[in-house]
Amino acid sequence: MNQLPFESNVVILCDGSFPNHHIPLSVLENAKQIICCDGAADKLIEYGMEPTFIVGDIDSVSDKTKTDFADRIVLNTDQETNDQTKAVEFVINWGAKSVIILGATGKREDHTIGNISLLLDYAEKLEVISISNSGIFRPVLQSQTIPSYKGQQVSIFSLGTPAAITSKDLKYPLKNTILNSWWMGTLNECLDESFSLEFEKGKLIVFQKFE
């Protein structure tokens, strides 16, 4: 069972690996609003769908797409942030309360790490997850119980201020454990239909692998 934590009509499609797993593909195909980050627009059009808007510095968009969708281009040349963040800021200003990000991984590893880490910043402003072709990245800013299923592979990453984490219903339990390195919370496994993470301070990103 691969149930998403929430549904959203707004999808941001980044210019990483295009969705090929049935879950992110379903999210994409059912989205009412698709905000493409720069060159992702060409991939979406090739797939047979159209962007609602194209956001970024537009340096990797084909000339044909620039012409055909000129009225949907939102030019943002700010070099102090990346295209994913530009798209998130756009949907926030647009009034969106939740967004699902697709295509944020799968190319350059430094871009992938940057995109995933930024979820913690976005989560302070709206409900957000990022879905790759292998699983879901979820920002966790406070203690909570996370829906899952028995046997689901789970990884936990602690960013910023170290968090002393206590878990419930994970195969390798955490007991006031501080994850000092990114590898320390990886390759765990859920033992039930959900698992819990308790911590007082800190910011976590939880990855739940698809079947």
N, C-alpha and C. Protein backbone atom coordinates (compact mmCIF):
# COMPACT_ATOMS: atom_id res chain seq x y z
N MET A 1 0.85 -1.20 0.00
CA MET A 1 0.00 0.00 0.00
C MET A 1 0.88 1.24 0.00
N ASN A 2 0.65 2.14 -0.96
CA ASN A 2 1.47 3.34 -1.09
C ASN A 2 0.60 4.58 -1.05
N GLN A 3 -0.02 4.83 0.06
CA GLN A 3 -0.94 5.95 0.19
C GLN A 3 -0.17 7.24 0.42
N LEU A 4 -0.53 8.28 -0.33
CA LEU A 4 0.12 9.57 -0.16
C LEU A 4 -0.39 10.23 1.11
N PRO A 5 0.45 11.04 1.77
CA PRO A 5 0.02 11.70 3.00
C PRO A 5 -1.06 12.75 2.79
N PHE A 6 -1.15 13.29 1.59
CA PHE A 6 -2.21 14.24 1.27
C PHE A 6 -2.35 14.31 -0.25
N GLU A 7 -3.45 14.88 -0.71
CA GLU A 7 -3.66 15.10 -2.13
C GLU A 7 -3.56 16.59 -2.42
N SER A 8 -3.12 16.92 -3.60
CA SER A 8 -3.04 18.33 -4.00
C SER A 8 -3.33 18.45 -5.48
N ASN A 9 -4.05 19.51 -5.83
CA ASN A 9 -4.33 19.78 -7.23
C ASN A 9 -3.16 20.45 -7.93
N VAL A 10 -2.17 20.88 -7.13
CA VAL A 10 -1.03 21.62 -7.67
C VAL A 10 0.21 20.75 -7.64
N VAL A 11 0.85 20.59 -8.79
CA VAL A 11 2.08 19.82 -8.91
C VAL A 11 3.17 20.71 -9.48
N ILE A 12 4.35 20.61 -8.91
CA ILE A 12 5.53 21.24 -9.49
C ILE A 12 6.36 20.13 -10.12
N LEU A 13 6.65 20.27 -11.40
CA LEU A 13 7.46 19.30 -12.11
C LEU A 13 8.84 19.89 -12.36
N CYS A 14 9.85 19.31 -11.69
CA CYS A 14 11.22 19.76 -11.85
C CYS A 14 11.87 19.07 -13.05
N ASP A 15 13.04 19.57 -13.43
CA ASP A 15 13.70 19.08 -14.63
C ASP A 15 14.70 17.96 -14.32
N GLY A 16 14.32 17.06 -13.42
CA GLY A 16 15.13 15.87 -13.14
C GLY A 16 14.59 14.70 -13.93
N SER A 17 14.60 13.51 -13.32
CA SER A 17 14.07 12.33 -14.00
C SER A 17 12.55 12.43 -14.08
N PHE A 18 12.03 12.29 -15.27
CA PHE A 18 10.58 12.35 -15.46
C PHE A 18 9.92 11.15 -14.79
N PRO A 19 8.75 11.31 -14.20
CA PRO A 19 8.08 10.20 -13.53
C PRO A 19 7.89 8.99 -14.44
N ASN A 20 8.20 7.80 -13.88
CA ASN A 20 7.90 6.56 -14.60
C ASN A 20 7.24 5.52 -13.71
N HIS A 21 7.32 5.71 -12.38
CA HIS A 21 6.60 4.84 -11.45
C HIS A 21 5.12 5.24 -11.47
N HIS A 22 4.23 4.27 -11.26
CA HIS A 22 2.80 4.56 -11.41
C HIS A 22 2.27 5.57 -10.40
N ILE A 23 2.89 5.68 -9.24
CA ILE A 23 2.38 6.64 -8.25
C ILE A 23 2.66 8.08 -8.67
N PRO A 24 3.92 8.48 -8.93
CA PRO A 24 4.11 9.85 -9.40
C PRO A 24 3.43 10.14 -10.74
N LEU A 25 3.34 9.13 -11.60
CA LEU A 25 2.64 9.34 -12.86
C LEU A 25 1.16 9.63 -12.63
N SER A 26 0.56 8.91 -11.69
CA SER A 26 -0.84 9.14 -11.37
C SER A 26 -1.05 10.55 -10.81
N VAL A 27 -0.13 10.97 -9.95
CA VAL A 27 -0.21 12.33 -9.39
C VAL A 27 -0.13 13.36 -10.52
N LEU A 28 0.80 13.16 -11.44
CA LEU A 28 0.96 14.08 -12.56
C LEU A 28 -0.28 14.12 -13.44
N GLU A 29 -0.79 12.95 -13.79
CA GLU A 29 -1.90 12.87 -14.72
C GLU A 29 -3.21 13.39 -14.13
N ASN A 30 -3.31 13.41 -12.81
CA ASN A 30 -4.54 13.89 -12.17
C ASN A 30 -4.43 15.32 -11.66
N ALA A 31 -3.28 15.93 -11.84
CA ALA A 31 -3.09 17.30 -11.37
C ALA A 31 -3.93 18.27 -12.19
N LYS A 32 -4.47 19.27 -11.53
CA LYS A 32 -5.24 20.29 -12.22
C LYS A 32 -4.36 21.46 -12.63
N GLN A 33 -3.27 21.66 -11.88
CA GLN A 33 -2.34 22.73 -12.18
C GLN A 33 -0.92 22.14 -12.16
N ILE A 34 -0.18 22.28 -13.25
CA ILE A 34 1.19 21.76 -13.32
C ILE A 34 2.13 22.93 -13.59
N ILE A 35 2.98 23.20 -12.62
CA ILE A 35 3.96 24.27 -12.73
C ILE A 35 5.30 23.62 -13.10
N CYS A 36 5.78 23.91 -14.28
CA CYS A 36 7.04 23.30 -14.74
C CYS A 36 8.23 24.20 -14.43
N CYS A 37 9.28 23.57 -13.95
CA CYS A 37 10.54 24.28 -13.74
C CYS A 37 11.34 24.23 -15.04
N ASP A 38 11.36 25.35 -15.72
CA ASP A 38 12.21 25.51 -16.89
C ASP A 38 12.05 24.37 -17.89
N GLY A 39 13.12 23.60 -18.15
CA GLY A 39 13.13 22.58 -19.18
C GLY A 39 12.18 21.42 -18.96
N ALA A 40 11.62 21.29 -17.76
CA ALA A 40 10.64 20.23 -17.51
C ALA A 40 9.41 20.40 -18.40
N ALA A 41 9.19 21.62 -18.87
CA ALA A 41 8.04 21.87 -19.73
C ALA A 41 8.13 21.06 -21.02
N ASP A 42 9.32 20.98 -21.60
CA ASP A 42 9.49 20.21 -22.84
C ASP A 42 9.19 18.73 -22.60
N LYS A 43 9.61 18.21 -21.46
CA LYS A 43 9.36 16.80 -21.14
C LYS A 43 7.86 16.55 -20.98
N LEU A 44 7.18 17.47 -20.31
CA LEU A 44 5.75 17.32 -20.09
C LEU A 44 5.00 17.35 -21.42
N ILE A 45 5.37 18.27 -22.28
CA ILE A 45 4.72 18.38 -23.59
C ILE A 45 4.99 17.12 -24.41
N GLU A 46 6.21 16.62 -24.36
CA GLU A 46 6.53 15.39 -25.08
C GLU A 46 5.70 14.22 -24.56
N TYR A 47 5.37 14.24 -23.27
CA TYR A 47 4.55 13.19 -22.68
C TYR A 47 3.09 13.30 -23.11
N GLY A 48 2.72 14.45 -23.63
CA GLY A 48 1.35 14.63 -24.12
C GLY A 48 0.48 15.51 -23.23
N MET A 49 1.11 16.24 -22.30
CA MET A 49 0.37 17.13 -21.41
C MET A 49 0.90 18.55 -21.58
N GLU A 50 0.18 19.51 -21.02
CA GLU A 50 0.58 20.91 -21.15
C GLU A 50 0.82 21.53 -19.78
N PRO A 51 1.81 22.41 -19.68
CA PRO A 51 2.06 23.12 -18.41
C PRO A 51 1.03 24.21 -18.19
N THR A 52 0.70 24.42 -16.93
CA THR A 52 -0.14 25.57 -16.58
C THR A 52 0.70 26.84 -16.63
N PHE A 53 1.90 26.73 -16.04
CA PHE A 53 2.89 27.80 -16.11
C PHE A 53 4.28 27.19 -16.21
N ILE A 54 5.21 27.96 -16.73
CA ILE A 54 6.62 27.56 -16.80
C ILE A 54 7.41 28.62 -16.04
N VAL A 55 8.09 28.21 -14.99
CA VAL A 55 8.77 29.16 -14.10
C VAL A 55 10.28 28.92 -14.13
N GLY A 56 11.05 30.00 -14.17
CA GLY A 56 12.50 29.88 -14.11
C GLY A 56 13.17 30.92 -14.98
N ASP A 57 14.47 30.70 -15.23
CA ASP A 57 15.18 31.64 -16.10
C ASP A 57 15.03 31.27 -17.58
N ILE A 58 14.35 30.15 -17.83
CA ILE A 58 13.93 29.72 -19.18
C ILE A 58 15.14 29.52 -20.11
N ASP A 59 16.26 29.15 -19.54
CA ASP A 59 17.45 28.95 -20.37
C ASP A 59 17.53 27.55 -20.97
N SER A 60 16.68 26.63 -20.50
CA SER A 60 16.73 25.27 -21.04
C SER A 60 15.40 24.86 -21.69
N VAL A 61 14.59 25.84 -22.02
CA VAL A 61 13.31 25.59 -22.68
C VAL A 61 13.50 25.74 -24.19
N SER A 62 12.93 24.84 -24.95
CA SER A 62 13.08 24.89 -26.41
C SER A 62 12.42 26.15 -26.97
N ASP A 63 12.91 26.58 -28.13
CA ASP A 63 12.34 27.77 -28.78
C ASP A 63 10.87 27.56 -29.12
N LYS A 64 10.52 26.35 -29.52
CA LYS A 64 9.13 26.06 -29.87
C LYS A 64 8.21 26.22 -28.66
N THR A 65 8.66 25.69 -27.51
CA THR A 65 7.86 25.82 -26.29
C THR A 65 7.75 27.28 -25.87
N LYS A 66 8.84 28.01 -26.00
CA LYS A 66 8.81 29.44 -25.67
C LYS A 66 7.77 30.17 -26.52
N THR A 67 7.67 29.78 -27.78
CA THR A 67 6.71 30.42 -28.68
C THR A 67 5.28 29.96 -28.41
N ASP A 68 5.10 28.63 -28.32
CA ASP A 68 3.76 28.07 -28.17
C ASP A 68 3.12 28.41 -26.83
N PHE A 69 3.95 28.59 -25.80
CA PHE A 69 3.42 28.82 -24.45
C PHE A 69 3.95 30.13 -23.88
N ALA A 70 4.13 31.12 -24.73
CA ALA A 70 4.68 32.41 -24.31
C ALA A 70 3.85 33.06 -23.21
N ASP A 71 2.52 32.84 -23.26
CA ASP A 71 1.64 33.46 -22.27
C ASP A 71 1.65 32.74 -20.93
N ARG A 72 2.37 31.62 -20.85
CA ARG A 72 2.42 30.86 -19.60
C ARG A 72 3.80 30.91 -18.95
N ILE A 73 4.69 31.67 -19.51
CA ILE A 73 6.05 31.76 -18.98
C ILE A 73 6.13 32.81 -17.88
N VAL A 74 6.70 32.41 -16.74
CA VAL A 74 6.94 33.32 -15.63
C VAL A 74 8.45 33.43 -15.47
N LEU A 75 9.03 34.46 -16.02
CA LEU A 75 10.48 34.62 -16.03
C LEU A 75 10.97 35.06 -14.65
N ASN A 76 11.93 34.31 -14.13
CA ASN A 76 12.55 34.65 -12.85
C ASN A 76 14.03 34.36 -12.97
N THR A 77 14.83 35.41 -13.07
CA THR A 77 16.27 35.26 -13.30
C THR A 77 17.10 35.36 -12.02
N ASP A 78 16.45 35.30 -10.88
CA ASP A 78 17.16 35.38 -9.59
C ASP A 78 18.18 34.25 -9.49
N GLN A 79 19.46 34.60 -9.36
CA GLN A 79 20.52 33.60 -9.27
C GLN A 79 20.81 33.17 -7.84
N GLU A 80 20.08 33.72 -6.89
CA GLU A 80 20.30 33.39 -5.48
C GLU A 80 19.45 32.21 -5.03
N THR A 81 18.67 31.65 -5.93
CA THR A 81 17.84 30.49 -5.59
C THR A 81 17.72 29.60 -6.82
N ASN A 82 17.13 28.40 -6.64
CA ASN A 82 17.02 27.49 -7.78
C ASN A 82 15.60 27.49 -8.34
N ASP A 83 15.41 26.79 -9.46
CA ASP A 83 14.11 26.82 -10.13
C ASP A 83 13.01 26.18 -9.31
N GLN A 84 13.36 25.14 -8.53
CA GLN A 84 12.34 24.52 -7.68
C GLN A 84 11.79 25.53 -6.68
N THR A 85 12.67 26.29 -6.06
CA THR A 85 12.24 27.30 -5.08
C THR A 85 11.45 28.41 -5.76
N LYS A 86 11.87 28.79 -6.95
CA LYS A 86 11.12 29.80 -7.69
C LYS A 86 9.68 29.34 -7.93
N ALA A 87 9.54 28.05 -8.27
CA ALA A 87 8.21 27.50 -8.52
C ALA A 87 7.39 27.44 -7.23
N VAL A 88 8.03 27.04 -6.13
CA VAL A 88 7.32 26.99 -4.85
C VAL A 88 6.87 28.38 -4.44
N GLU A 89 7.73 29.36 -4.56
CA GLU A 89 7.37 30.73 -4.21
C GLU A 89 6.21 31.23 -5.09
N PHE A 90 6.24 30.81 -6.35
CA PHE A 90 5.16 31.19 -7.26
C PHE A 90 3.82 30.63 -6.81
N VAL A 91 3.77 29.34 -6.44
CA VAL A 91 2.48 28.75 -6.05
C VAL A 91 2.02 29.28 -4.70
N ILE A 92 2.95 29.63 -3.82
CA ILE A 92 2.56 30.24 -2.55
C ILE A 92 1.90 31.59 -2.81
N ASN A 93 2.53 32.41 -3.64
CA ASN A 93 1.95 33.71 -3.98
C ASN A 93 0.63 33.56 -4.73
N TRP A 94 0.48 32.44 -5.38
CA TRP A 94 -0.74 32.11 -6.13
C TRP A 94 -1.87 31.69 -5.20
N GLY A 95 -1.49 31.38 -3.94
CA GLY A 95 -2.50 31.02 -2.94
C GLY A 95 -2.59 29.54 -2.63
N ALA A 96 -1.68 28.73 -3.16
CA ALA A 96 -1.73 27.28 -2.90
C ALA A 96 -1.38 27.00 -1.44
N LYS A 97 -2.09 26.03 -0.86
CA LYS A 97 -1.84 25.62 0.51
C LYS A 97 -1.08 24.30 0.58
N SER A 98 -1.02 23.59 -0.54
CA SER A 98 -0.29 22.33 -0.60
C SER A 98 0.24 22.14 -2.01
N VAL A 99 1.34 21.39 -2.12
CA VAL A 99 1.93 21.14 -3.43
C VAL A 99 2.70 19.82 -3.37
N ILE A 100 2.68 19.10 -4.47
CA ILE A 100 3.48 17.88 -4.60
C ILE A 100 4.54 18.14 -5.66
N ILE A 101 5.77 17.87 -5.32
CA ILE A 101 6.89 18.09 -6.23
C ILE A 101 7.29 16.77 -6.87
N LEU A 102 7.44 16.78 -8.18
CA LEU A 102 7.88 15.61 -8.94
C LEU A 102 9.15 15.98 -9.71
N GLY A 103 9.94 14.98 -10.04
CA GLY A 103 11.10 15.20 -10.90
C GLY A 103 12.25 15.96 -10.27
N ALA A 104 12.33 15.97 -8.94
CA ALA A 104 13.38 16.74 -8.27
C ALA A 104 14.68 15.95 -8.10
N THR A 105 14.66 14.68 -8.47
CA THR A 105 15.83 13.82 -8.28
C THR A 105 16.20 13.17 -9.61
N GLY A 106 17.33 12.44 -9.59
CA GLY A 106 17.65 11.57 -10.71
C GLY A 106 18.69 12.05 -11.68
N LYS A 107 19.14 13.28 -11.55
CA LYS A 107 20.21 13.76 -12.40
C LYS A 107 21.44 14.04 -11.52
N ARG A 108 21.91 15.26 -11.49
CA ARG A 108 23.09 15.56 -10.68
C ARG A 108 22.80 15.36 -9.20
N GLU A 109 23.70 14.67 -8.52
CA GLU A 109 23.48 14.36 -7.11
C GLU A 109 23.44 15.62 -6.25
N ASP A 110 24.24 16.64 -6.60
CA ASP A 110 24.23 17.87 -5.80
C ASP A 110 22.89 18.58 -5.93
N HIS A 111 22.30 18.55 -7.12
CA HIS A 111 20.98 19.14 -7.30
C HIS A 111 19.93 18.37 -6.49
N THR A 112 20.04 17.05 -6.51
CA THR A 112 19.10 16.22 -5.77
C THR A 112 19.15 16.54 -4.28
N ILE A 113 20.35 16.57 -3.71
CA ILE A 113 20.50 16.86 -2.28
C ILE A 113 19.94 18.24 -1.95
N GLY A 114 20.27 19.22 -2.79
CA GLY A 114 19.76 20.57 -2.55
C GLY A 114 18.25 20.63 -2.61
N ASN A 115 17.66 20.01 -3.63
CA ASN A 115 16.20 20.04 -3.77
C ASN A 115 15.50 19.39 -2.59
N ILE A 116 16.00 18.25 -2.15
CA ILE A 116 15.36 17.55 -1.03
C ILE A 116 15.51 18.33 0.27
N SER A 117 16.68 18.89 0.52
CA SER A 117 16.88 19.63 1.76
C SER A 117 15.97 20.85 1.85
N LEU A 118 15.64 21.45 0.72
CA LEU A 118 14.80 22.63 0.69
C LEU A 118 13.36 22.36 1.13
N LEU A 119 12.96 21.10 1.17
CA LEU A 119 11.61 20.77 1.63
C LEU A 119 11.35 21.31 3.04
N LEU A 120 12.39 21.34 3.86
CA LEU A 120 12.23 21.82 5.24
C LEU A 120 11.89 23.31 5.26
N ASP A 121 12.45 24.07 4.34
CA ASP A 121 12.10 25.49 4.26
C ASP A 121 10.67 25.67 3.76
N TYR A 122 10.32 24.91 2.74
CA TYR A 122 8.97 25.03 2.17
C TYR A 122 7.90 24.63 3.18
N ALA A 123 8.21 23.62 4.02
CA ALA A 123 7.21 23.07 4.94
C ALA A 123 6.77 24.08 5.99
N GLU A 124 7.53 25.15 6.16
CA GLU A 124 7.13 26.19 7.10
C GLU A 124 6.08 27.12 6.49
N LYS A 125 5.82 26.95 5.18
CA LYS A 125 4.91 27.86 4.48
C LYS A 125 3.69 27.16 3.88
N LEU A 126 3.84 25.86 3.58
CA LEU A 126 2.71 25.11 3.00
C LEU A 126 2.97 23.62 3.15
N GLU A 127 1.95 22.83 2.90
CA GLU A 127 2.07 21.37 2.97
C GLU A 127 2.78 20.89 1.70
N VAL A 128 3.83 20.08 1.87
CA VAL A 128 4.65 19.73 0.72
C VAL A 128 5.27 18.35 0.89
N ILE A 129 5.36 17.60 -0.18
CA ILE A 129 6.16 16.39 -0.27
C ILE A 129 6.82 16.37 -1.64
N SER A 130 7.87 15.56 -1.76
CA SER A 130 8.52 15.36 -3.04
C SER A 130 8.49 13.86 -3.34
N ILE A 131 8.03 13.52 -4.54
CA ILE A 131 7.91 12.11 -4.92
C ILE A 131 8.88 11.81 -6.06
N SER A 132 9.73 10.82 -5.84
CA SER A 132 10.63 10.37 -6.89
C SER A 132 10.07 9.09 -7.51
N ASN A 133 10.85 8.45 -8.34
CA ASN A 133 10.42 7.18 -8.92
C ASN A 133 10.64 6.00 -7.98
N SER A 134 11.20 6.27 -6.81
CA SER A 134 11.42 5.18 -5.85
C SER A 134 10.75 5.40 -4.50
N GLY A 135 10.24 6.61 -4.24
CA GLY A 135 9.59 6.81 -2.95
C GLY A 135 9.20 8.25 -2.70
N ILE A 136 8.82 8.52 -1.46
CA ILE A 136 8.31 9.82 -1.03
C ILE A 136 9.25 10.44 0.00
N PHE A 137 9.61 11.69 -0.22
CA PHE A 137 10.36 12.48 0.76
C PHE A 137 9.38 13.40 1.47
N ARG A 138 9.38 13.32 2.80
CA ARG A 138 8.43 14.07 3.61
C ARG A 138 9.19 14.90 4.65
N PRO A 139 8.99 16.22 4.70
CA PRO A 139 9.59 17.02 5.78
C PRO A 139 8.79 16.82 7.07
N VAL A 140 9.50 16.67 8.17
CA VAL A 140 8.85 16.45 9.48
C VAL A 140 9.44 17.47 10.45
N LEU A 141 8.61 18.40 10.90
CA LEU A 141 9.07 19.48 11.76
C LEU A 141 8.68 19.29 13.22
N GLN A 142 7.88 18.26 13.50
CA GLN A 142 7.49 18.00 14.88
C GLN A 142 7.12 16.53 15.02
N SER A 143 7.03 16.07 16.27
CA SER A 143 6.70 14.68 16.53
C SER A 143 5.39 14.30 15.85
N GLN A 144 5.35 13.12 15.26
CA GLN A 144 4.12 12.68 14.61
C GLN A 144 4.15 11.19 14.30
N THR A 145 2.95 10.66 14.02
CA THR A 145 2.80 9.29 13.56
C THR A 145 2.60 9.32 12.05
N ILE A 146 3.37 8.52 11.35
CA ILE A 146 3.41 8.55 9.89
C ILE A 146 2.79 7.28 9.33
N PRO A 147 1.75 7.38 8.52
CA PRO A 147 1.15 6.19 7.91
C PRO A 147 2.17 5.44 7.05
N SER A 148 2.11 4.11 7.10
CA SER A 148 3.06 3.29 6.37
C SER A 148 2.42 1.93 6.14
N TYR A 149 3.22 0.88 6.06
CA TYR A 149 2.74 -0.49 6.02
C TYR A 149 3.88 -1.41 6.46
N LYS A 150 3.52 -2.56 6.92
CA LYS A 150 4.52 -3.50 7.42
C LYS A 150 5.49 -3.87 6.31
N GLY A 151 6.77 -3.67 6.59
CA GLY A 151 7.80 -4.01 5.63
C GLY A 151 8.28 -2.84 4.78
N GLN A 152 7.62 -1.70 4.87
CA GLN A 152 8.07 -0.57 4.07
C GLN A 152 9.45 -0.10 4.53
N GLN A 153 10.32 0.14 3.59
CA GLN A 153 11.66 0.64 3.89
C GLN A 153 11.59 2.14 4.18
N VAL A 154 12.26 2.54 5.27
CA VAL A 154 12.19 3.91 5.76
C VAL A 154 13.59 4.41 6.05
N SER A 155 13.87 5.65 5.66
CA SER A 155 15.12 6.31 6.03
C SER A 155 14.80 7.66 6.65
N ILE A 156 15.58 8.04 7.66
CA ILE A 156 15.35 9.29 8.38
C ILE A 156 16.63 10.11 8.35
N PHE A 157 16.49 11.36 7.94
CA PHE A 157 17.63 12.27 7.87
C PHE A 157 17.38 13.46 8.79
N SER A 158 18.36 13.80 9.58
CA SER A 158 18.25 14.94 10.49
C SER A 158 19.12 16.07 9.96
N LEU A 159 18.50 17.23 9.72
CA LEU A 159 19.22 18.39 9.21
C LEU A 159 19.15 19.53 10.21
N GLY A 160 20.16 20.35 10.21
CA GLY A 160 20.18 21.49 11.10
C GLY A 160 20.47 21.09 12.53
N THR A 161 19.73 21.66 13.47
CA THR A 161 19.93 21.37 14.89
C THR A 161 19.68 19.89 15.16
N PRO A 162 20.65 19.18 15.76
CA PRO A 162 20.47 17.75 16.01
C PRO A 162 19.24 17.47 16.86
N ALA A 163 18.50 16.43 16.48
CA ALA A 163 17.29 16.05 17.21
C ALA A 163 17.52 14.72 17.90
N ALA A 164 17.16 14.64 19.19
CA ALA A 164 17.18 13.36 19.90
C ALA A 164 15.85 12.66 19.61
N ILE A 165 15.90 11.60 18.81
CA ILE A 165 14.70 10.99 18.26
C ILE A 165 14.41 9.66 18.95
N THR A 166 13.14 9.48 19.30
CA THR A 166 12.66 8.18 19.79
C THR A 166 11.59 7.69 18.84
N SER A 167 11.71 6.44 18.42
CA SER A 167 10.78 5.90 17.43
C SER A 167 9.92 4.80 18.03
N LYS A 168 8.83 4.52 17.36
CA LYS A 168 7.97 3.39 17.69
C LYS A 168 7.60 2.68 16.40
N ASP A 169 7.64 1.35 16.44
CA ASP A 169 7.25 0.50 15.31
C ASP A 169 8.22 0.60 14.13
N LEU A 170 9.49 0.80 14.43
CA LEU A 170 10.55 0.64 13.44
C LEU A 170 11.40 -0.56 13.82
N LYS A 171 11.88 -1.28 12.84
CA LYS A 171 12.66 -2.51 13.08
C LYS A 171 13.91 -2.22 13.89
N TYR A 172 14.56 -1.12 13.61
CA TYR A 172 15.75 -0.70 14.35
C TYR A 172 15.38 0.55 15.14
N PRO A 173 14.96 0.37 16.40
CA PRO A 173 14.39 1.48 17.17
C PRO A 173 15.42 2.56 17.50
N LEU A 174 14.92 3.77 17.57
CA LEU A 174 15.71 4.92 18.01
C LEU A 174 15.26 5.27 19.42
N LYS A 175 16.21 5.46 20.33
CA LYS A 175 15.90 5.80 21.72
C LYS A 175 16.72 7.02 22.10
N ASN A 176 16.09 8.18 21.99
CA ASN A 176 16.79 9.46 22.19
C ASN A 176 18.08 9.50 21.38
N THR A 177 17.98 8.98 20.17
CA THR A 177 19.15 8.87 19.29
C THR A 177 19.35 10.17 18.51
N ILE A 178 20.57 10.65 18.51
CA ILE A 178 20.93 11.82 17.70
C ILE A 178 21.62 11.32 16.43
N LEU A 179 21.06 11.65 15.31
CA LEU A 179 21.61 11.22 14.02
C LEU A 179 22.67 12.24 13.58
N ASN A 180 23.91 11.96 13.95
CA ASN A 180 25.00 12.90 13.69
C ASN A 180 25.49 12.86 12.25
N SER A 181 25.13 11.82 11.53
CA SER A 181 25.56 11.69 10.14
C SER A 181 24.37 11.20 9.31
N TRP A 182 24.34 11.57 8.03
CA TRP A 182 23.17 11.26 7.21
C TRP A 182 22.90 9.77 7.07
N TRP A 183 23.91 8.94 7.15
CA TRP A 183 23.70 7.50 6.95
C TRP A 183 23.03 6.84 8.14
N MET A 184 23.10 7.48 9.32
CA MET A 184 22.74 6.80 10.56
C MET A 184 21.27 6.39 10.65
N GLY A 185 20.38 7.13 10.00
CA GLY A 185 18.96 6.80 10.09
C GLY A 185 18.42 6.10 8.86
N THR A 186 19.32 5.62 8.01
CA THR A 186 18.87 5.01 6.76
C THR A 186 18.59 3.52 6.91
N LEU A 187 17.86 2.98 5.92
CA LEU A 187 17.63 1.54 5.78
C LEU A 187 16.95 0.92 6.99
N ASN A 188 15.94 1.61 7.50
CA ASN A 188 15.12 1.06 8.57
C ASN A 188 13.87 0.44 7.92
N GLU A 189 12.96 -0.05 8.76
CA GLU A 189 11.79 -0.76 8.22
C GLU A 189 10.62 -0.62 9.17
N CYS A 190 9.45 -0.34 8.62
CA CYS A 190 8.24 -0.21 9.43
C CYS A 190 7.71 -1.59 9.81
N LEU A 191 7.23 -1.70 11.05
CA LEU A 191 6.74 -2.98 11.57
C LEU A 191 5.22 -3.06 11.61
N ASP A 192 4.53 -1.97 11.26
CA ASP A 192 3.07 -1.94 11.40
C ASP A 192 2.48 -1.06 10.30
N GLU A 193 1.26 -0.59 10.52
CA GLU A 193 0.61 0.26 9.53
C GLU A 193 1.00 1.72 9.67
N SER A 194 1.85 2.01 10.64
CA SER A 194 2.38 3.36 10.83
C SER A 194 3.59 3.26 11.75
N PHE A 195 4.35 4.33 11.83
CA PHE A 195 5.44 4.42 12.80
C PHE A 195 5.45 5.84 13.36
N SER A 196 6.00 5.98 14.55
CA SER A 196 6.01 7.28 15.22
C SER A 196 7.43 7.77 15.45
N LEU A 197 7.61 9.07 15.35
CA LEU A 197 8.88 9.72 15.65
C LEU A 197 8.61 10.82 16.66
N GLU A 198 9.31 10.77 17.77
CA GLU A 198 9.16 11.79 18.81
C GLU A 198 10.48 12.52 19.00
N PHE A 199 10.40 13.85 18.99
CA PHE A 199 11.58 14.68 19.23
C PHE A 199 11.11 16.07 19.61
N GLU A 200 11.93 16.78 20.38
CA GLU A 200 11.54 18.10 20.85
C GLU A 200 11.99 19.21 19.92
N LYS A 201 13.20 19.09 19.41
CA LYS A 201 13.73 20.10 18.50
C LYS A 201 14.38 19.39 17.32
N GLY A 202 14.47 20.11 16.23
CA GLY A 202 15.12 19.54 15.06
C GLY A 202 14.20 19.52 13.85
N LYS A 203 14.78 19.16 12.71
CA LYS A 203 14.06 19.08 11.46
C LYS A 203 14.47 17.79 10.76
N LEU A 204 13.49 17.00 10.38
CA LEU A 204 13.76 15.70 9.78
C LEU A 204 13.19 15.64 8.37
N ILE A 205 13.83 14.84 7.54
CA ILE A 205 13.26 14.43 6.27
C ILE A 205 13.14 12.91 6.30
N VAL A 206 11.95 12.41 6.06
CA VAL A 206 11.69 10.97 6.09
C VAL A 206 11.44 10.49 4.66
N PHE A 207 12.14 9.44 4.29
CA PHE A 207 11.95 8.82 2.98
C PHE A 207 11.26 7.48 3.16
N GLN A 208 10.18 7.26 2.41
CA GLN A 208 9.44 6.01 2.43
C GLN A 208 9.47 5.41 1.04
N LYS A 209 10.07 4.24 0.93
CA LYS A 209 10.29 3.61 -0.36
C LYS A 209 9.02 2.96 -0.90
N PHE A 210 8.81 3.07 -2.20
CA PHE A 210 7.70 2.37 -2.83
C PHE A 210 7.99 0.87 -2.89
N GLU A 211 6.92 0.10 -3.01
CA GLU A 211 7.08 -1.34 -3.20
C GLU A 211 7.71 -1.64 -4.54
